[in-house]
Amino acid sequence: MDNDLKTKIENEIKTAKILVYGKGTKSAPRCGFTLETIQFFDELGYPFEVVDVLDDDEKRRALSDMTNWPTLPKVFIDGTFYGDTDILGPMRESGELDKLLADAFKAKV
């Protein structure tokens, strides 16, 4: 993996408390799973960013290598990779996600 690309990805992850790498943008998702993830975070009410990697094969491969997760979307919360809504949904139901998000945003509350 190119070090410049890795550094760019790491900086993107540090910039947003919630970052979704997906197919399309927040206003124009190009995949049902990305749309589902956007709706999931819209319901939670926390600010989040979406980075479109659909047409960037190199970045998609780099993200898969970094996360050991082959599919999109890929969700990072407070710099940590959590997978997608298949993982986050049960975390929300158990209350674990609420605590995680409260901790991530406590400095902004």
PDB file of N, CA and C in Angstrom:
ATOM      1  N   MET A   1       0.851  -1.182   0.000  1.00  0.00           N
ATOM      2  CA  MET A   1       0.000   0.000   0.000  1.00  0.00           C
ATOM      3  C   MET A   1       0.895   1.243   0.000  1.00  0.00           C
ATOM      4  N   ASP A   2       0.522   2.180  -0.791  1.00  0.00           N
ATOM      5  CA  ASP A   2       1.239   3.449  -0.895  1.00  0.00           C
ATOM      6  C   ASP A   2       1.148   4.209   0.436  1.00  0.00           C
ATOM      7  N   ASN A   3       2.300   4.652   0.952  1.00  0.00           N
ATOM      8  CA  ASN A   3       2.314   5.361   2.241  1.00  0.00           C
ATOM      9  C   ASN A   3       1.528   6.658   2.207  1.00  0.00           C
ATOM     10  N   ASP A   4       1.562   7.369   1.079  1.00  0.00           N
ATOM     11  CA  ASP A   4       0.787   8.608   0.970  1.00  0.00           C
ATOM     12  C   ASP A   4      -0.709   8.324   1.075  1.00  0.00           C
ATOM     13  N   LEU A   5      -1.155   7.259   0.433  1.00  0.00           N
ATOM     14  CA  LEU A   5      -2.570   6.885   0.497  1.00  0.00           C
ATOM     15  C   LEU A   5      -2.944   6.477   1.918  1.00  0.00           C
ATOM     16  N   LYS A   6      -2.090   5.686   2.551  1.00  0.00           N
ATOM     17  CA  LYS A   6      -2.361   5.276   3.926  1.00  0.00           C
ATOM     18  C   LYS A   6      -2.450   6.489   4.843  1.00  0.00           C
ATOM     19  N   THR A   7      -1.540   7.431   4.686  1.00  0.00           N
ATOM     20  CA  THR A   7      -1.560   8.654   5.488  1.00  0.00           C
ATOM     21  C   THR A   7      -2.833   9.453   5.229  1.00  0.00           C
ATOM     22  N   LYS A   8      -3.237   9.545   3.959  1.00  0.00           N
ATOM     23  CA  LYS A   8      -4.471  10.267   3.620  1.00  0.00           C
ATOM     24  C   LYS A   8      -5.677   9.616   4.298  1.00  0.00           C
ATOM     25  N   ILE A   9      -5.767   8.297   4.245  1.00  0.00           N
ATOM     26  CA  ILE A   9      -6.883   7.588   4.879  1.00  0.00           C
ATOM     27  C   ILE A   9      -6.854   7.811   6.390  1.00  0.00           C
ATOM     28  N   GLU A  10      -5.689   7.670   6.988  1.00  0.00           N
ATOM     29  CA  GLU A  10      -5.580   7.878   8.438  1.00  0.00           C
ATOM     30  C   GLU A  10      -6.002   9.285   8.829  1.00  0.00           C
ATOM     31  N   ASN A  11      -5.653  10.282   8.030  1.00  0.00           N
ATOM     32  CA  ASN A  11      -6.066  11.664   8.312  1.00  0.00           C
ATOM     33  C   ASN A  11      -7.571  11.835   8.162  1.00  0.00           C
ATOM     34  N   GLU A  12      -8.166  11.200   7.166  1.00  0.00           N
ATOM     35  CA  GLU A  12      -9.628  11.268   7.010  1.00  0.00           C
ATOM     36  C   GLU A  12     -10.311  10.675   8.238  1.00  0.00           C
ATOM     37  N   ILE A  13      -9.803   9.548   8.694  1.00  0.00           N
ATOM     38  CA  ILE A  13     -10.396   8.868   9.845  1.00  0.00           C
ATOM     39  C   ILE A  13     -10.294   9.737  11.092  1.00  0.00           C
ATOM     40  N   LYS A  14      -9.176  10.446  11.264  1.00  0.00           N
ATOM     41  CA  LYS A  14      -8.981  11.312  12.433  1.00  0.00           C
ATOM     42  C   LYS A  14      -9.862  12.555  12.378  1.00  0.00           C
ATOM     43  N   THR A  15     -10.236  12.974  11.175  1.00  0.00           N
ATOM     44  CA  THR A  15     -10.953  14.238  11.001  1.00  0.00           C
ATOM     45  C   THR A  15     -12.416  14.162  11.431  1.00  0.00           C
ATOM     46  N   ALA A  16     -13.044  13.014  11.253  1.00  0.00           N
ATOM     47  CA  ALA A  16     -14.479  12.882  11.561  1.00  0.00           C
ATOM     48  C   ALA A  16     -14.685  11.895  12.703  1.00  0.00           C
ATOM     49  N   LYS A  17     -15.552  12.256  13.632  1.00  0.00           N
ATOM     50  CA  LYS A  17     -15.877  11.326  14.728  1.00  0.00           C
ATOM     51  C   LYS A  17     -16.557  10.066  14.186  1.00  0.00           C
ATOM     52  N   ILE A  18     -17.417  10.239  13.171  1.00  0.00           N
ATOM     53  CA  ILE A  18     -18.031   9.102  12.496  1.00  0.00           C
ATOM     54  C   ILE A  18     -17.723   9.262  11.016  1.00  0.00           C
ATOM     55  N   LEU A  19     -17.061   8.262  10.450  1.00  0.00           N
ATOM     56  CA  LEU A  19     -16.697   8.303   9.041  1.00  0.00           C
ATOM     57  C   LEU A  19     -17.151   7.023   8.370  1.00  0.00           C
ATOM     58  N   VAL A  20     -17.887   7.181   7.281  1.00  0.00           N
ATOM     59  CA  VAL A  20     -18.377   6.051   6.499  1.00  0.00           C
ATOM     60  C   VAL A  20     -17.692   6.083   5.138  1.00  0.00           C
ATOM     61  N   TYR A  21     -16.981   5.022   4.818  1.00  0.00           N
ATOM     62  CA  TYR A  21     -16.480   4.839   3.458  1.00  0.00           C
ATOM     63  C   TYR A  21     -17.515   3.989   2.747  1.00  0.00           C
ATOM     64  N   GLY A  22     -18.076   4.537   1.678  1.00  0.00           N
ATOM     65  CA  GLY A  22     -19.145   3.827   0.999  1.00  0.00           C
ATOM     66  C   GLY A  22     -19.158   4.086  -0.487  1.00  0.00           C
ATOM     67  N   LYS A  23     -20.246   3.688  -1.083  1.00  0.00           N
ATOM     68  CA  LYS A  23     -20.464   3.887  -2.510  1.00  0.00           C
ATOM     69  C   LYS A  23     -21.451   5.031  -2.669  1.00  0.00           C
ATOM     70  N   GLY A  24     -20.932   6.183  -3.066  1.00  0.00           N
ATOM     71  CA  GLY A  24     -21.755   7.372  -3.211  1.00  0.00           C
ATOM     72  C   GLY A  24     -21.517   8.342  -2.068  1.00  0.00           C
ATOM     73  N   THR A  25     -22.334   9.371  -2.056  1.00  0.00           N
ATOM     74  CA  THR A  25     -22.213  10.418  -1.053  1.00  0.00           C
ATOM     75  C   THR A  25     -23.414  10.406  -0.123  1.00  0.00           C
ATOM     76  N   LYS A  26     -23.370  11.257   0.877  1.00  0.00           N
ATOM     77  CA  LYS A  26     -24.484  11.364   1.820  1.00  0.00           C
ATOM     78  C   LYS A  26     -25.776  11.749   1.096  1.00  0.00           C
ATOM     79  N   SER A  27     -25.669  12.663   0.149  1.00  0.00           N
ATOM     80  CA  SER A  27     -26.858  13.128  -0.563  1.00  0.00           C
ATOM     81  C   SER A  27     -27.197  12.278  -1.782  1.00  0.00           C
ATOM     82  N   ALA A  28     -26.265  11.450  -2.226  1.00  0.00           N
ATOM     83  CA  ALA A  28     -26.509  10.615  -3.406  1.00  0.00           C
ATOM     84  C   ALA A  28     -25.830   9.248  -3.251  1.00  0.00           C
ATOM     85  N   PRO A  29     -26.349   8.413  -2.333  1.00  0.00           N
ATOM     86  CA  PRO A  29     -25.769   7.081  -2.181  1.00  0.00           C
ATOM     87  C   PRO A  29     -25.986   6.265  -3.457  1.00  0.00           C
ATOM     88  N   ARG A  30     -24.996   5.426  -3.782  1.00  0.00           N
ATOM     89  CA  ARG A  30     -25.072   4.646  -5.013  1.00  0.00           C
ATOM     90  C   ARG A  30     -25.120   3.154  -4.731  1.00  0.00           C
ATOM     91  N   CYS A  31     -25.573   2.807  -3.548  1.00  0.00           N
ATOM     92  CA  CYS A  31     -25.645   1.410  -3.126  1.00  0.00           C
ATOM     93  C   CYS A  31     -26.641   1.327  -1.973  1.00  0.00           C
ATOM     94  N   GLY A  32     -27.416   0.269  -1.951  1.00  0.00           N
ATOM     95  CA  GLY A  32     -28.402   0.099  -0.889  1.00  0.00           C
ATOM     96  C   GLY A  32     -27.784   0.006   0.489  1.00  0.00           C
ATOM     97  N   PHE A  33     -26.631  -0.628   0.611  1.00  0.00           N
ATOM     98  CA  PHE A  33     -25.981  -0.755   1.916  1.00  0.00           C
ATOM     99  C   PHE A  33     -25.461   0.596   2.410  1.00  0.00           C
ATOM    100  N   THR A  34     -24.946   1.403   1.492  1.00  0.00           N
ATOM    101  CA  THR A  34     -24.510   2.745   1.875  1.00  0.00           C
ATOM    102  C   THR A  34     -25.720   3.575   2.297  1.00  0.00           C
ATOM    103  N   LEU A  35     -26.805   3.494   1.559  1.00  0.00           N
ATOM    104  CA  LEU A  35     -28.040   4.195   1.931  1.00  0.00           C
ATOM    105  C   LEU A  35     -28.502   3.755   3.320  1.00  0.00           C
ATOM    106  N   GLU A  36     -28.502   2.464   3.574  1.00  0.00           N
ATOM    107  CA  GLU A  36     -28.909   1.939   4.878  1.00  0.00           C
ATOM    108  C   GLU A  36     -28.040   2.511   5.995  1.00  0.00           C
ATOM    109  N   THR A  37     -26.752   2.617   5.760  1.00  0.00           N
ATOM    110  CA  THR A  37     -25.828   3.144   6.769  1.00  0.00           C
ATOM    111  C   THR A  37     -26.069   4.633   6.999  1.00  0.00           C
ATOM    112  N   ILE A  38     -26.312   5.370   5.936  1.00  0.00           N
ATOM    113  CA  ILE A  38     -26.617   6.797   6.055  1.00  0.00           C
ATOM    114  C   ILE A  38     -27.907   6.990   6.861  1.00  0.00           C
ATOM    115  N   GLN A  39     -28.935   6.217   6.560  1.00  0.00           N
ATOM    116  CA  GLN A  39     -30.192   6.312   7.299  1.00  0.00           C
ATOM    117  C   GLN A  39     -29.992   5.949   8.770  1.00  0.00           C
ATOM    118  N   PHE A  40     -29.169   4.938   9.019  1.00  0.00           N
ATOM    119  CA  PHE A  40     -28.856   4.502  10.381  1.00  0.00           C
ATOM    120  C   PHE A  40     -28.282   5.659  11.190  1.00  0.00           C
ATOM    121  N   PHE A  41     -27.290   6.346  10.626  1.00  0.00           N
ATOM    122  CA  PHE A  41     -26.666   7.451  11.358  1.00  0.00           C
ATOM    123  C   PHE A  41     -27.542   8.696  11.371  1.00  0.00           C
ATOM    124  N   ASP A  42     -28.346   8.924  10.352  1.00  0.00           N
ATOM    125  CA  ASP A  42     -29.312  10.028  10.384  1.00  0.00           C
ATOM    126  C   ASP A  42     -30.255   9.866  11.577  1.00  0.00           C
ATOM    127  N   GLU A  43     -30.713   8.637  11.816  1.00  0.00           N
ATOM    128  CA  GLU A  43     -31.627   8.366  12.931  1.00  0.00           C
ATOM    129  C   GLU A  43     -30.968   8.643  14.279  1.00  0.00           C
ATOM    130  N   LEU A  44     -29.669   8.400  14.370  1.00  0.00           N
ATOM    131  CA  LEU A  44     -28.967   8.605  15.633  1.00  0.00           C
ATOM    132  C   LEU A  44     -28.734  10.077  15.942  1.00  0.00           C
ATOM    133  N   GLY A  45     -28.678  10.906  14.906  1.00  0.00           N
ATOM    134  CA  GLY A  45     -28.584  12.347  15.101  1.00  0.00           C
ATOM    135  C   GLY A  45     -27.195  12.907  15.334  1.00  0.00           C
ATOM    136  N   TYR A  46     -26.184  12.090  15.236  1.00  0.00           N
ATOM    137  CA  TYR A  46     -24.813  12.592  15.377  1.00  0.00           C
ATOM    138  C   TYR A  46     -24.272  12.988  14.009  1.00  0.00           C
ATOM    139  N   PRO A  47     -23.401  13.989  13.959  1.00  0.00           N
ATOM    140  CA  PRO A  47     -22.807  14.352  12.673  1.00  0.00           C
ATOM    141  C   PRO A  47     -21.878  13.243  12.182  1.00  0.00           C
ATOM    142  N   PHE A  48     -21.913  13.007  10.879  1.00  0.00           N
ATOM    143  CA  PHE A  48     -21.045  11.993  10.289  1.00  0.00           C
ATOM    144  C   PHE A  48     -20.695  12.406   8.875  1.00  0.00           C
ATOM    145  N   GLU A  49     -19.619  11.835   8.386  1.00  0.00           N
ATOM    146  CA  GLU A  49     -19.154  12.111   7.031  1.00  0.00           C
ATOM    147  C   GLU A  49     -19.183  10.825   6.218  1.00  0.00           C
ATOM    148  N   VAL A  50     -19.374  10.981   4.921  1.00  0.00           N
ATOM    149  CA  VAL A  50     -19.340   9.855   3.995  1.00  0.00           C
ATOM    150  C   VAL A  50     -18.300  10.160   2.924  1.00  0.00           C
ATOM    151  N   VAL A  51     -17.401   9.219   2.705  1.00  0.00           N
ATOM    152  CA  VAL A  51     -16.398   9.340   1.654  1.00  0.00           C
ATOM    153  C   VAL A  51     -16.735   8.320   0.576  1.00  0.00           C
ATOM    154  N   ASP A  52     -16.934   8.800  -0.637  1.00  0.00           N
ATOM    155  CA  ASP A  52     -17.262   7.942  -1.773  1.00  0.00           C
ATOM    156  C   ASP A  52     -15.988   7.294  -2.304  1.00  0.00           C
ATOM    157  N   VAL A  53     -15.926   5.972  -2.248  1.00  0.00           N
ATOM    158  CA  VAL A  53     -14.768   5.251  -2.767  1.00  0.00           C
ATOM    159  C   VAL A  53     -15.157   4.300  -3.904  1.00  0.00           C
ATOM    160  N   LEU A  54     -16.363   4.457  -4.425  1.00  0.00           N
ATOM    161  CA  LEU A  54     -16.844   3.544  -5.465  1.00  0.00           C
ATOM    162  C   LEU A  54     -15.912   3.507  -6.669  1.00  0.00           C
ATOM    163  N   ASP A  55     -15.452   4.652  -7.108  1.00  0.00           N
ATOM    164  CA  ASP A  55     -14.626   4.715  -8.314  1.00  0.00           C
ATOM    165  C   ASP A  55     -13.130   4.766  -8.016  1.00  0.00           C
ATOM    166  N   ASP A  56     -12.736   4.496  -6.788  1.00  0.00           N
ATOM    167  CA  ASP A  56     -11.322   4.553  -6.399  1.00  0.00           C
ATOM    168  C   ASP A  56     -10.866   3.165  -5.941  1.00  0.00           C
ATOM    169  N   ASP A  57     -10.537   2.316  -6.921  1.00  0.00           N
ATOM    170  CA  ASP A  57     -10.159   0.939  -6.614  1.00  0.00           C
ATOM    171  C   ASP A  57      -8.960   0.858  -5.668  1.00  0.00           C
ATOM    172  N   GLU A  58      -7.979   1.724  -5.868  1.00  0.00           N
ATOM    173  CA  GLU A  58      -6.780   1.699  -5.030  1.00  0.00           C
ATOM    174  C   GLU A  58      -7.128   1.974  -3.569  1.00  0.00           C
ATOM    175  N   LYS A  59      -7.979   2.968  -3.337  1.00  0.00           N
ATOM    176  CA  LYS A  59      -8.373   3.309  -1.968  1.00  0.00           C
ATOM    177  C   LYS A  59      -9.222   2.198  -1.356  1.00  0.00           C
ATOM    178  N   ARG A  60     -10.098   1.618  -2.162  1.00  0.00           N
ATOM    179  CA  ARG A  60     -10.921   0.513  -1.654  1.00  0.00           C
ATOM    180  C   ARG A  60     -10.056  -0.668  -1.235  1.00  0.00           C
ATOM    181  N   ARG A  61      -9.051  -1.004  -2.052  1.00  0.00           N
ATOM    182  CA  ARG A  61      -8.136  -2.095  -1.695  1.00  0.00           C
ATOM    183  C   ARG A  61      -7.361  -1.754  -0.426  1.00  0.00           C
ATOM    184  N   ALA A  62      -6.887  -0.522  -0.335  1.00  0.00           N
ATOM    185  CA  ALA A  62      -6.133  -0.097   0.848  1.00  0.00           C
ATOM    186  C   ALA A  62      -6.998  -0.201   2.106  1.00  0.00           C
ATOM    187  N   LEU A  63      -8.236   0.243   2.016  1.00  0.00           N
ATOM    188  CA  LEU A  63      -9.145   0.159   3.163  1.00  0.00           C
ATOM    189  C   LEU A  63      -9.416  -1.288   3.557  1.00  0.00           C
ATOM    190  N   SER A  64      -9.582  -2.152   2.565  1.00  0.00           N
ATOM    191  CA  SER A  64      -9.794  -3.575   2.860  1.00  0.00           C
ATOM    192  C   SER A  64      -8.572  -4.171   3.542  1.00  0.00           C
ATOM    193  N   ASP A  65      -7.389  -3.796   3.080  1.00  0.00           N
ATOM    194  CA  ASP A  65      -6.155  -4.278   3.709  1.00  0.00           C
ATOM    195  C   ASP A  65      -6.036  -3.769   5.144  1.00  0.00           C
ATOM    196  N   MET A  66      -6.373  -2.504   5.351  1.00  0.00           N
ATOM    197  CA  MET A  66      -6.250  -1.894   6.679  1.00  0.00           C
ATOM    198  C   MET A  66      -7.243  -2.474   7.683  1.00  0.00           C
ATOM    199  N   THR A  67      -8.426  -2.860   7.201  1.00  0.00           N
ATOM    200  CA  THR A  67      -9.491  -3.281   8.105  1.00  0.00           C
ATOM    201  C   THR A  67      -9.730  -4.790   8.126  1.00  0.00           C
ATOM    202  N   ASN A  68      -9.185  -5.482   7.137  1.00  0.00           N
ATOM    203  CA  ASN A  68      -9.469  -6.909   6.964  1.00  0.00           C
ATOM    204  C   ASN A  68     -10.984  -7.133   6.807  1.00  0.00           C
ATOM    205  N   TRP A  69     -11.635  -6.193   6.133  1.00  0.00           N
ATOM    206  CA  TRP A  69     -13.081  -6.219   5.895  1.00  0.00           C
ATOM    207  C   TRP A  69     -13.274  -5.965   4.399  1.00  0.00           C
ATOM    208  N   PRO A  70     -13.738  -6.951   3.649  1.00  0.00           N
ATOM    209  CA  PRO A  70     -13.728  -6.821   2.187  1.00  0.00           C
ATOM    210  C   PRO A  70     -14.824  -5.959   1.580  1.00  0.00           C
ATOM    211  N   THR A  71     -15.888  -5.703   2.310  1.00  0.00           N
ATOM    212  CA  THR A  71     -17.048  -5.050   1.711  1.00  0.00           C
ATOM    213  C   THR A  71     -17.204  -3.607   2.171  1.00  0.00           C
ATOM    214  N   LEU A  72     -18.026  -2.877   1.447  1.00  0.00           N
ATOM    215  CA  LEU A  72     -18.425  -1.519   1.809  1.00  0.00           C
ATOM    216  C   LEU A  72     -19.879  -1.564   2.240  1.00  0.00           C
ATOM    217  N   PRO A  73     -20.286  -0.656   3.093  1.00  0.00           N
ATOM    218  CA  PRO A  73     -19.513   0.423   3.690  1.00  0.00           C
ATOM    219  C   PRO A  73     -18.615  -0.063   4.829  1.00  0.00           C
ATOM    220  N   LYS A  74     -17.680   0.809   5.171  1.00  0.00           N
ATOM    221  CA  LYS A  74     -16.784   0.609   6.308  1.00  0.00           C
ATOM    222  C   LYS A  74     -16.971   1.811   7.228  1.00  0.00           C
ATOM    223  N   VAL A  75     -17.294   1.554   8.482  1.00  0.00           N
ATOM    224  CA  VAL A  75     -17.597   2.629   9.425  1.00  0.00           C
ATOM    225  C   VAL A  75     -16.502   2.718  10.483  1.00  0.00           C
ATOM    226  N   PHE A  76     -16.009   3.939  10.662  1.00  0.00           N
ATOM    227  CA  PHE A  76     -15.047   4.246  11.723  1.00  0.00           C
ATOM    228  C   PHE A  76     -15.716   5.211  12.692  1.00  0.00           C
ATOM    229  N   ILE A  77     -15.586   4.916  13.965  1.00  0.00           N
ATOM    230  CA  ILE A  77     -16.104   5.804  15.008  1.00  0.00           C
ATOM    231  C   ILE A  77     -14.949   6.150  15.926  1.00  0.00           C
ATOM    232  N   ASP A  78     -14.691   7.441  16.039  1.00  0.00           N
ATOM    233  CA  ASP A  78     -13.610   7.946  16.888  1.00  0.00           C
ATOM    234  C   ASP A  78     -12.287   7.243  16.580  1.00  0.00           C
ATOM    235  N   GLY A  79     -12.044   7.014  15.286  1.00  0.00           N
ATOM    236  CA  GLY A  79     -10.786   6.444  14.834  1.00  0.00           C
ATOM    237  C   GLY A  79     -10.701   4.931  14.821  1.00  0.00           C
ATOM    238  N   THR A  80     -11.737   4.258  15.294  1.00  0.00           N
ATOM    239  CA  THR A  80     -11.737   2.798  15.357  1.00  0.00           C
ATOM    240  C   THR A  80     -12.711   2.227  14.338  1.00  0.00           C
ATOM    241  N   PHE A  81     -12.283   1.173  13.648  1.00  0.00           N
ATOM    242  CA  PHE A  81     -13.119   0.520  12.653  1.00  0.00           C
ATOM    243  C   PHE A  81     -14.135  -0.398  13.326  1.00  0.00           C
ATOM    244  N   TYR A  82     -15.411  -0.292  12.886  1.00  0.00           N
ATOM    245  CA  TYR A  82     -16.475  -1.108  13.465  1.00  0.00           C
ATOM    246  C   TYR A  82     -17.221  -1.971  12.455  1.00  0.00           C
ATOM    247  N   GLY A  83     -16.885  -1.938  11.191  1.00  0.00           N
ATOM    248  CA  GLY A  83     -17.605  -2.751  10.219  1.00  0.00           C
ATOM    249  C   GLY A  83     -18.693  -1.940   9.558  1.00  0.00           C
ATOM    250  N   ASP A  84     -19.920  -2.480   9.577  1.00  0.00           N
ATOM    251  CA  ASP A  84     -21.061  -1.796   8.972  1.00  0.00           C
ATOM    252  C   ASP A  84     -22.282  -1.977   9.868  1.00  0.00           C
ATOM    253  N   THR A  85     -23.463  -1.743   9.335  1.00  0.00           N
ATOM    254  CA  THR A  85     -24.656  -1.808  10.183  1.00  0.00           C
ATOM    255  C   THR A  85     -24.973  -3.224  10.656  1.00  0.00           C
ATOM    256  N   ASP A  86     -24.407  -4.251  10.004  1.00  0.00           N
ATOM    257  CA  ASP A  86     -24.591  -5.613  10.518  1.00  0.00           C
ATOM    258  C   ASP A  86     -23.966  -5.751  11.907  1.00  0.00           C
ATOM    259  N   ILE A  87     -22.911  -5.012  12.141  1.00  0.00           N
ATOM    260  CA  ILE A  87     -22.234  -5.008  13.445  1.00  0.00           C
ATOM    261  C   ILE A  87     -22.851  -3.937  14.347  1.00  0.00           C
ATOM    262  N   LEU A  88     -23.091  -2.754  13.783  1.00  0.00           N
ATOM    263  CA  LEU A  88     -23.560  -1.623  14.578  1.00  0.00           C
ATOM    264  C   LEU A  88     -25.008  -1.760  15.033  1.00  0.00           C
ATOM    265  N   GLY A  89     -25.843  -2.431  14.257  1.00  0.00           N
ATOM    266  CA  GLY A  89     -27.245  -2.620  14.644  1.00  0.00           C
ATOM    267  C   GLY A  89     -27.381  -3.327  15.984  1.00  0.00           C
ATOM    268  N   PRO A  90     -26.751  -4.495  16.137  1.00  0.00           N
ATOM    269  CA  PRO A  90     -26.809  -5.161  17.445  1.00  0.00           C
ATOM    270  C   PRO A  90     -26.167  -4.339  18.566  1.00  0.00           C
ATOM    271  N   MET A  91     -25.125  -3.584  18.233  1.00  0.00           N
ATOM    272  CA  MET A  91     -24.512  -2.715  19.239  1.00  0.00           C
ATOM    273  C   MET A  91     -25.504  -1.645  19.685  1.00  0.00           C
ATOM    274  N   ARG A  92     -26.307  -1.162  18.752  1.00  0.00           N
ATOM    275  CA  ARG A  92     -27.325  -0.155  19.089  1.00  0.00           C
ATOM    276  C   ARG A  92     -28.390  -0.774  19.983  1.00  0.00           C
ATOM    277  N   GLU A  93     -28.837  -1.974  19.629  1.00  0.00           N
ATOM    278  CA  GLU A  93     -29.874  -2.647  20.416  1.00  0.00           C
ATOM    279  C   GLU A  93     -29.419  -2.935  21.843  1.00  0.00           C
ATOM    280  N   SER A  94     -28.148  -3.236  22.020  1.00  0.00           N
ATOM    281  CA  SER A  94     -27.632  -3.562  23.356  1.00  0.00           C
ATOM    282  C   SER A  94     -27.320  -2.317  24.186  1.00  0.00           C
ATOM    283  N   GLY A  95     -27.302  -1.144  23.543  1.00  0.00           N
ATOM    284  CA  GLY A  95     -26.945   0.088  24.238  1.00  0.00           C
ATOM    285  C   GLY A  95     -25.464   0.413  24.154  1.00  0.00           C
ATOM    286  N   GLU A  96     -24.679  -0.526  23.644  1.00  0.00           N
ATOM    287  CA  GLU A  96     -23.233  -0.322  23.536  1.00  0.00           C
ATOM    288  C   GLU A  96     -22.894   0.840  22.604  1.00  0.00           C
ATOM    289  N   LEU A  97     -23.641   0.983  21.506  1.00  0.00           N
ATOM    290  CA  LEU A  97     -23.366   2.049  20.547  1.00  0.00           C
ATOM    291  C   LEU A  97     -23.666   3.421  21.148  1.00  0.00           C
ATOM    292  N   ASP A  98     -24.734   3.534  21.916  1.00  0.00           N
ATOM    293  CA  ASP A  98     -25.069   4.815  22.552  1.00  0.00           C
ATOM    294  C   ASP A  98     -23.926   5.291  23.441  1.00  0.00           C
ATOM    295  N   LYS A  99     -23.361   4.383  24.227  1.00  0.00           N
ATOM    296  CA  LYS A  99     -22.251   4.739  25.105  1.00  0.00           C
ATOM    297  C   LYS A  99     -21.019   5.114  24.279  1.00  0.00           C
ATOM    298  N   LEU A 100     -20.738   4.343  23.247  1.00  0.00           N
ATOM    299  CA  LEU A 100     -19.590   4.616  22.392  1.00  0.00           C
ATOM    300  C   LEU A 100     -19.691   6.007  21.761  1.00  0.00           C
ATOM    301  N   LEU A 101     -20.861   6.333  21.229  1.00  0.00           N
ATOM    302  CA  LEU A 101     -21.056   7.639  20.595  1.00  0.00           C
ATOM    303  C   LEU A 101     -21.022   8.776  21.610  1.00  0.00           C
ATOM    304  N   ALA A 102     -21.622   8.562  22.772  1.00  0.00           N
ATOM    305  CA  ALA A 102     -21.591   9.587  23.823  1.00  0.00           C
ATOM    306  C   ALA A 102     -20.133   9.869  24.225  1.00  0.00           C
ATOM    307  N   ASP A 103     -19.347   8.823  24.363  1.00  0.00           N
ATOM    308  CA  ASP A 103     -17.942   9.004  24.715  1.00  0.00           C
ATOM    309  C   ASP A 103     -17.185   9.724  23.583  1.00  0.00           C
ATOM    310  N   ALA A 104     -17.463   9.352  22.347  1.00  0.00           N
ATOM    311  CA  ALA A 104     -16.767   9.955  21.204  1.00  0.00           C
ATOM    312  C   ALA A 104     -17.076  11.452  21.073  1.00  0.00           C
ATOM    313  N   PHE A 105     -18.295  11.825  21.418  1.00  0.00           N
ATOM    314  CA  PHE A 105     -18.723  13.217  21.245  1.00  0.00           C
ATOM    315  C   PHE A 105     -18.736  14.019  22.542  1.00  0.00           C
ATOM    316  N   LYS A 106     -18.270  13.453  23.639  1.00  0.00           N
ATOM    317  CA  LYS A 106     -18.362  14.142  24.931  1.00  0.00           C
ATOM    318  C   LYS A 106     -17.632  15.486  24.940  1.00  0.00           C
ATOM    319  N   ALA A 107     -16.558  15.576  24.185  1.00  0.00           N
ATOM    320  CA  ALA A 107     -15.829  16.843  24.150  1.00  0.00           C
ATOM    321  C   ALA A 107     -16.628  17.931  23.435  1.00  0.00           C
ATOM    322  N   LYS A 108     -17.589  17.519  22.608  1.00  0.00           N
ATOM    323  CA  LYS A 108     -18.375  18.493  21.834  1.00  0.00           C
ATOM    324  C   LYS A 108     -19.732  18.787  22.475  1.00  0.00           C
ATOM    325  N   VAL A 109     -20.072  18.105  23.545  1.00  0.00           N
ATOM    326  CA  VAL A 109     -21.388  18.273  24.169  1.00  0.00           C
ATOM    327  C   VAL A 109     -21.396  19.493  25.049  1.00  0.00           C
TER     328      VAL A 109
END
